[in-house]
Amino acid sequence: MPDWLLVPICLVALLGFIGYGFYQGTKVAPDRNNTNFGPGQNDSWPGGSDGHSGS
Protein backbone atom coordinates (compact mmCIF):
# COMPACT_ATOMS: atom_id res chain seq x y z
CA MET A 1 0.00 0.00 0.00
CA PRO A 2 1.42 3.43 -0.88
CA ASP A 3 2.25 5.66 2.07
CA TRP A 4 0.21 8.58 0.76
CA LEU A 5 -2.93 6.44 0.86
CA LEU A 6 -2.64 5.83 4.61
CA VAL A 7 -3.33 9.47 5.56
CA PRO A 8 -6.75 9.77 3.83
CA ILE A 9 -7.82 6.38 5.19
CA CYS A 10 -6.92 7.42 8.75
CA LEU A 11 -8.68 10.78 8.34
CA VAL A 12 -11.84 9.13 7.04
CA ALA A 13 -11.79 6.66 9.95
CA LEU A 14 -11.21 9.42 12.52
CA LEU A 15 -13.87 11.72 11.10
CA GLY A 16 -16.30 8.81 10.85
CA PHE A 17 -15.68 7.91 14.51
CA ILE A 18 -16.19 11.52 15.64
CA GLY A 19 -19.26 11.90 13.43
CA TYR A 20 -20.77 8.71 14.79
CA GLY A 21 -20.19 9.97 18.33
CA PHE A 22 -22.00 13.22 17.55
CA TYR A 23 -24.80 11.26 15.89
CA GLN A 24 -25.24 9.12 19.00
CA GLY A 25 -25.09 12.22 21.18
CA THR A 26 -27.99 13.83 19.37
CA LYS A 27 -30.18 10.79 20.14
CA VAL A 28 -29.75 11.15 23.94
CA ALA A 29 -32.06 13.58 25.72
CA PRO A 30 -30.79 15.34 28.86
CA ASP A 31 -32.32 14.24 32.15
CA ARG A 32 -33.92 17.40 33.54
CA ASN A 33 -34.83 15.71 36.86
CA ASN A 34 -31.25 14.72 37.72
CA THR A 35 -30.03 17.20 40.34
CA ASN A 36 -27.31 14.92 41.72
CA PHE A 37 -24.16 16.80 40.73
CA GLY A 38 -20.95 15.48 42.27
CA PRO A 39 -20.48 13.30 45.32
CA GLY A 40 -23.05 13.40 48.11
CA GLN A 41 -22.63 13.29 51.87
CA ASN A 42 -23.07 9.51 52.08
CA ASP A 43 -20.73 8.61 49.21
CA SER A 44 -17.66 6.79 50.47
CA TRP A 45 -14.21 7.86 49.32
CA PRO A 46 -11.42 5.30 49.69
CA GLY A 47 -8.90 8.00 50.63
CA GLY A 48 -10.70 9.00 53.80
CA SER A 49 -11.36 12.51 55.02
CA ASP A 50 -7.74 13.70 55.00
CA GLY A 51 -7.12 12.73 51.38
CA HIS A 52 -4.49 10.08 52.09
CA SER A 53 -4.97 6.46 51.15
CA GLY A 54 -3.92 5.10 54.52
CA SER A 55 -1.07 2.95 53.30
PDB file of N, CA and C in Angstrom:
ATOM      1  N   MET A   1       0.850  -1.176   0.000  1.00  0.00           N
ATOM      2  CA  MET A   1       0.000   0.000   0.000  1.00  0.00           C
ATOM      3  C   MET A   1       0.896   1.239   0.000  1.00  0.00           C
ATOM      4  N   PRO A   2       0.615   2.195  -0.875  1.00  0.00           N
ATOM      5  CA  PRO A   2       1.419   3.427  -0.880  1.00  0.00           C
ATOM      6  C   PRO A   2       1.232   4.214   0.411  1.00  0.00           C
ATOM      7  N   ASP A   3       2.286   4.898   0.825  1.00  0.00           N
ATOM      8  CA  ASP A   3       2.246   5.664   2.074  1.00  0.00           C
ATOM      9  C   ASP A   3       1.250   6.818   2.009  1.00  0.00           C
ATOM     10  N   TRP A   4       1.091   7.425   0.850  1.00  0.00           N
ATOM     11  CA  TRP A   4       0.206   8.585   0.760  1.00  0.00           C
ATOM     12  C   TRP A   4      -1.256   8.181   0.924  1.00  0.00           C
ATOM     13  N   LEU A   5      -1.565   6.907   0.740  1.00  0.00           N
ATOM     14  CA  LEU A   5      -2.931   6.442   0.863  1.00  0.00           C
ATOM     15  C   LEU A   5      -3.332   6.214   2.327  1.00  0.00           C
ATOM     16  N   LEU A   6      -2.356   6.078   3.200  1.00  0.00           N
ATOM     17  CA  LEU A   6      -2.637   5.827   4.605  1.00  0.00           C
ATOM     18  C   LEU A   6      -3.257   7.051   5.291  1.00  0.00           C
ATOM     19  N   VAL A   7      -2.825   8.248   4.927  1.00  0.00           N
ATOM     20  CA  VAL A   7      -3.333   9.472   5.555  1.00  0.00           C
ATOM     21  C   VAL A   7      -4.826   9.674   5.289  1.00  0.00           C
ATOM     22  N   PRO A   8      -5.301   9.596   4.049  1.00  0.00           N
ATOM     23  CA  PRO A   8      -6.753   9.765   3.832  1.00  0.00           C
ATOM     24  C   PRO A   8      -7.588   8.682   4.509  1.00  0.00           C
ATOM     25  N   ILE A   9      -7.072   7.452   4.545  1.00  0.00           N
ATOM     26  CA  ILE A   9      -7.817   6.377   5.192  1.00  0.00           C
ATOM     27  C   ILE A   9      -7.952   6.656   6.689  1.00  0.00           C
ATOM     28  N   CYS A  10      -6.871   7.108   7.323  1.00  0.00           N
ATOM     29  CA  CYS A  10      -6.921   7.423   8.750  1.00  0.00           C
ATOM     30  C   CYS A  10      -7.833   8.615   9.016  1.00  0.00           C
ATOM     31  N   LEU A  11      -7.807   9.612   8.163  1.00  0.00           N
ATOM     32  CA  LEU A  11      -8.679  10.776   8.340  1.00  0.00           C
ATOM     33  C   LEU A  11     -10.149  10.398   8.200  1.00  0.00           C
ATOM     34  N   VAL A  12     -10.454   9.558   7.226  1.00  0.00           N
ATOM     35  CA  VAL A  12     -11.838   9.126   7.045  1.00  0.00           C
ATOM     36  C   VAL A  12     -12.297   8.321   8.258  1.00  0.00           C
ATOM     37  N   ALA A  13     -11.429   7.443   8.771  1.00  0.00           N
ATOM     38  CA  ALA A  13     -11.788   6.655   9.945  1.00  0.00           C
ATOM     39  C   ALA A  13     -11.982   7.555  11.169  1.00  0.00           C
ATOM     40  N   LEU A  14     -11.099   8.527  11.366  1.00  0.00           N
ATOM     41  CA  LEU A  14     -11.205   9.423  12.516  1.00  0.00           C
ATOM     42  C   LEU A  14     -12.453  10.297  12.428  1.00  0.00           C
ATOM     43  N   LEU A  15     -12.691  10.875  11.264  1.00  0.00           N
ATOM     44  CA  LEU A  15     -13.873  11.720  11.100  1.00  0.00           C
ATOM     45  C   LEU A  15     -15.161  10.908  11.198  1.00  0.00           C
ATOM     46  N   GLY A  16     -15.132   9.671  10.715  1.00  0.00           N
ATOM     47  CA  GLY A  16     -16.299   8.806  10.854  1.00  0.00           C
ATOM     48  C   GLY A  16     -16.578   8.473  12.306  1.00  0.00           C
ATOM     49  N   PHE A  17     -15.524   8.202  13.086  1.00  0.00           N
ATOM     50  CA  PHE A  17     -15.677   7.910  14.510  1.00  0.00           C
ATOM     51  C   PHE A  17     -16.235   9.108  15.264  1.00  0.00           C
ATOM     52  N   ILE A  18     -15.704  10.297  14.983  1.00  0.00           N
ATOM     53  CA  ILE A  18     -16.191  11.519  15.638  1.00  0.00           C
ATOM     54  C   ILE A  18     -17.628  11.817  15.207  1.00  0.00           C
ATOM     55  N   GLY A  19     -17.908  11.667  13.931  1.00  0.00           N
ATOM     56  CA  GLY A  19     -19.258  11.903  13.432  1.00  0.00           C
ATOM     57  C   GLY A  19     -20.266  10.943  14.028  1.00  0.00           C
ATOM     58  N   TYR A  20     -19.877   9.682  14.180  1.00  0.00           N
ATOM     59  CA  TYR A  20     -20.775   8.707  14.790  1.00  0.00           C
ATOM     60  C   TYR A  20     -21.028   9.054  16.258  1.00  0.00           C
ATOM     61  N   GLY A  21     -20.006   9.550  16.936  1.00  0.00           N
ATOM     62  CA  GLY A  21     -20.188   9.974  18.327  1.00  0.00           C
ATOM     63  C   GLY A  21     -21.166  11.129  18.440  1.00  0.00           C
ATOM     64  N   PHE A  22     -21.047  12.109  17.544  1.00  0.00           N
ATOM     65  CA  PHE A  22     -22.003  13.221  17.553  1.00  0.00           C
ATOM     66  C   PHE A  22     -23.408  12.748  17.198  1.00  0.00           C
ATOM     67  N   TYR A  23     -23.498  11.800  16.282  1.00  0.00           N
ATOM     68  CA  TYR A  23     -24.801  11.255  15.895  1.00  0.00           C
ATOM     69  C   TYR A  23     -25.462  10.564  17.082  1.00  0.00           C
ATOM     70  N   GLN A  24     -24.693   9.776  17.818  1.00  0.00           N
ATOM     71  CA  GLN A  24     -25.238   9.116  18.996  1.00  0.00           C
ATOM     72  C   GLN A  24     -25.594  10.135  20.074  1.00  0.00           C
ATOM     73  N   GLY A  25     -24.819  11.201  20.182  1.00  0.00           N
ATOM     74  CA  GLY A  25     -25.086  12.223  21.183  1.00  0.00           C
ATOM     75  C   GLY A  25     -26.363  12.984  20.925  1.00  0.00           C
ATOM     76  N   THR A  26     -26.746  13.116  19.674  1.00  0.00           N
ATOM     77  CA  THR A  26     -27.989  13.829  19.373  1.00  0.00           C
ATOM     78  C   THR A  26     -29.209  12.985  19.698  1.00  0.00           C
ATOM     79  N   LYS A  27     -29.049  11.665  19.849  1.00  0.00           N
ATOM     80  CA  LYS A  27     -30.177  10.789  20.141  1.00  0.00           C
ATOM     81  C   LYS A  27     -30.468  10.700  21.637  1.00  0.00           C
ATOM     82  N   VAL A  28     -29.585  11.237  22.488  1.00  0.00           N
ATOM     83  CA  VAL A  28     -29.751  11.149  23.937  1.00  0.00           C
ATOM     84  C   VAL A  28     -30.319  12.463  24.447  1.00  0.00           C
ATOM     85  N   ALA A  29     -31.446  12.388  25.146  1.00  0.00           N
ATOM     86  CA  ALA A  29     -32.060  13.579  25.716  1.00  0.00           C
ATOM     87  C   ALA A  29     -31.503  13.821  27.117  1.00  0.00           C
ATOM     88  N   PRO A  30     -31.270  15.073  27.503  1.00  0.00           N
ATOM     89  CA  PRO A  30     -30.786  15.339  28.855  1.00  0.00           C
ATOM     90  C   PRO A  30     -31.850  15.025  29.894  1.00  0.00           C
ATOM     91  N   ASP A  31     -31.414  14.555  31.057  1.00  0.00           N
ATOM     92  CA  ASP A  31     -32.317  14.238  32.149  1.00  0.00           C
ATOM     93  C   ASP A  31     -32.517  15.489  32.997  1.00  0.00           C
ATOM     94  N   ARG A  32     -33.655  16.136  32.842  1.00  0.00           N
ATOM     95  CA  ARG A  32     -33.921  17.399  33.545  1.00  0.00           C
ATOM     96  C   ARG A  32     -34.153  17.191  35.044  1.00  0.00           C
ATOM     97  N   ASN A  33     -34.529  15.979  35.457  1.00  0.00           N
ATOM     98  CA  ASN A  33     -34.832  15.711  36.858  1.00  0.00           C
ATOM     99  C   ASN A  33     -33.601  15.318  37.663  1.00  0.00           C
ATOM    100  N   ASN A  34     -32.459  15.164  37.026  1.00  0.00           N
ATOM    101  CA  ASN A  34     -31.254  14.725  37.724  1.00  0.00           C
ATOM    102  C   ASN A  34     -30.568  15.938  38.332  1.00  0.00           C
ATOM    103  N   THR A  35     -30.674  16.082  39.649  1.00  0.00           N
ATOM    104  CA  THR A  35     -30.026  17.203  40.337  1.00  0.00           C
ATOM    105  C   THR A  35     -28.838  16.731  41.153  1.00  0.00           C
ATOM    106  N   ASN A  36     -28.429  15.473  40.977  1.00  0.00           N
ATOM    107  CA  ASN A  36     -27.308  14.920  41.723  1.00  0.00           C
ATOM    108  C   ASN A  36     -26.011  15.255  40.992  1.00  0.00           C
ATOM    109  N   PHE A  37     -25.408  16.380  41.340  1.00  0.00           N
ATOM    110  CA  PHE A  37     -24.156  16.799  40.728  1.00  0.00           C
ATOM    111  C   PHE A  37     -23.028  16.573  41.727  1.00  0.00           C
ATOM    112  N   GLY A  38     -22.099  15.712  41.398  1.00  0.00           N
ATOM    113  CA  GLY A  38     -20.952  15.477  42.268  1.00  0.00           C
ATOM    114  C   GLY A  38     -21.263  14.510  43.381  1.00  0.00           C
ATOM    115  N   PRO A  39     -20.283  14.251  44.236  1.00  0.00           N
ATOM    116  CA  PRO A  39     -20.482  13.300  45.319  1.00  0.00           C
ATOM    117  C   PRO A  39     -21.382  13.866  46.414  1.00  0.00           C
ATOM    118  N   GLY A  40     -22.164  12.996  47.024  1.00  0.00           N
ATOM    119  CA  GLY A  40     -23.047  13.404  48.106  1.00  0.00           C
ATOM    120  C   GLY A  40     -22.393  13.197  49.459  1.00  0.00           C
ATOM    121  N   GLN A  41     -23.154  13.441  50.518  1.00  0.00           N
ATOM    122  CA  GLN A  41     -22.630  13.288  51.874  1.00  0.00           C
ATOM    123  C   GLN A  41     -22.375  11.831  52.217  1.00  0.00           C
ATOM    124  N   ASN A  42     -23.178  10.916  51.706  1.00  0.00           N
ATOM    125  CA  ASN A  42     -23.073   9.510  52.076  1.00  0.00           C
ATOM    126  C   ASN A  42     -22.184   8.704  51.141  1.00  0.00           C
ATOM    127  N   ASP A  43     -21.616   9.332  50.120  1.00  0.00           N
ATOM    128  CA  ASP A  43     -20.732   8.610  49.208  1.00  0.00           C
ATOM    129  C   ASP A  43     -19.399   8.358  49.885  1.00  0.00           C
ATOM    130  N   SER A  44     -18.936   7.116  49.824  1.00  0.00           N
ATOM    131  CA  SER A  44     -17.656   6.792  50.468  1.00  0.00           C
ATOM    132  C   SER A  44     -16.510   7.105  49.523  1.00  0.00           C
ATOM    133  N   TRP A  45     -15.415   7.546  50.075  1.00  0.00           N
ATOM    134  CA  TRP A  45     -14.208   7.861  49.320  1.00  0.00           C
ATOM    135  C   TRP A  45     -13.086   7.029  49.925  1.00  0.00           C
ATOM    136  N   PRO A  46     -12.404   6.216  49.116  1.00  0.00           N
ATOM    137  CA  PRO A  46     -11.420   5.304  49.692  1.00  0.00           C
ATOM    138  C   PRO A  46     -10.236   6.021  50.341  1.00  0.00           C
ATOM    139  N   GLY A  47     -10.026   7.283  50.036  1.00  0.00           N
ATOM    140  CA  GLY A  47      -8.905   8.003  50.628  1.00  0.00           C
ATOM    141  C   GLY A  47      -9.167   8.492  52.027  1.00  0.00           C
ATOM    142  N   GLY A  48     -10.386   8.485  52.484  1.00  0.00           N
ATOM    143  CA  GLY A  48     -10.696   9.000  53.802  1.00  0.00           C
ATOM    144  C   GLY A  48     -10.885  10.505  53.781  1.00  0.00           C
ATOM    145  N   SER A  49     -11.044  11.078  54.948  1.00  0.00           N
ATOM    146  CA  SER A  49     -11.361  12.508  55.022  1.00  0.00           C
ATOM    147  C   SER A  49     -10.132  13.396  54.857  1.00  0.00           C
ATOM    148  N   ASP A  50      -8.934  12.863  55.111  1.00  0.00           N
ATOM    149  CA  ASP A  50      -7.741  13.697  55.000  1.00  0.00           C
ATOM    150  C   ASP A  50      -7.098  13.627  53.624  1.00  0.00           C
ATOM    151  N   GLY A  51      -7.628  12.794  52.737  1.00  0.00           N
ATOM    152  CA  GLY A  51      -7.116  12.728  51.377  1.00  0.00           C
ATOM    153  C   GLY A  51      -5.997  11.740  51.184  1.00  0.00           C
ATOM    154  N   HIS A  52      -5.541  11.064  52.235  1.00  0.00           N
ATOM    155  CA  HIS A  52      -4.488  10.076  52.094  1.00  0.00           C
ATOM    156  C   HIS A  52      -5.097   8.688  52.018  1.00  0.00           C
ATOM    157  N   SER A  53      -4.412   7.787  51.362  1.00  0.00           N
ATOM    158  CA  SER A  53      -4.967   6.461  51.149  1.00  0.00           C
ATOM    159  C   SER A  53      -4.838   5.548  52.350  1.00  0.00           C
ATOM    160  N   GLY A  54      -4.030   5.897  53.309  1.00  0.00           N
ATOM    161  CA  GLY A  54      -3.925   5.095  54.519  1.00  0.00           C
ATOM    162  C   GLY A  54      -2.812   4.070  54.480  1.00  0.00           C
ATOM    163  N   SER A  55      -2.161   3.925  53.354  1.00  0.00           N
ATOM    164  CA  SER A  55      -1.072   2.955  53.300  1.00  0.00           C
ATOM    165  C   SER A  55       0.268   3.638  53.220  1.00  0.00           C
TER     166      SER A  55
END
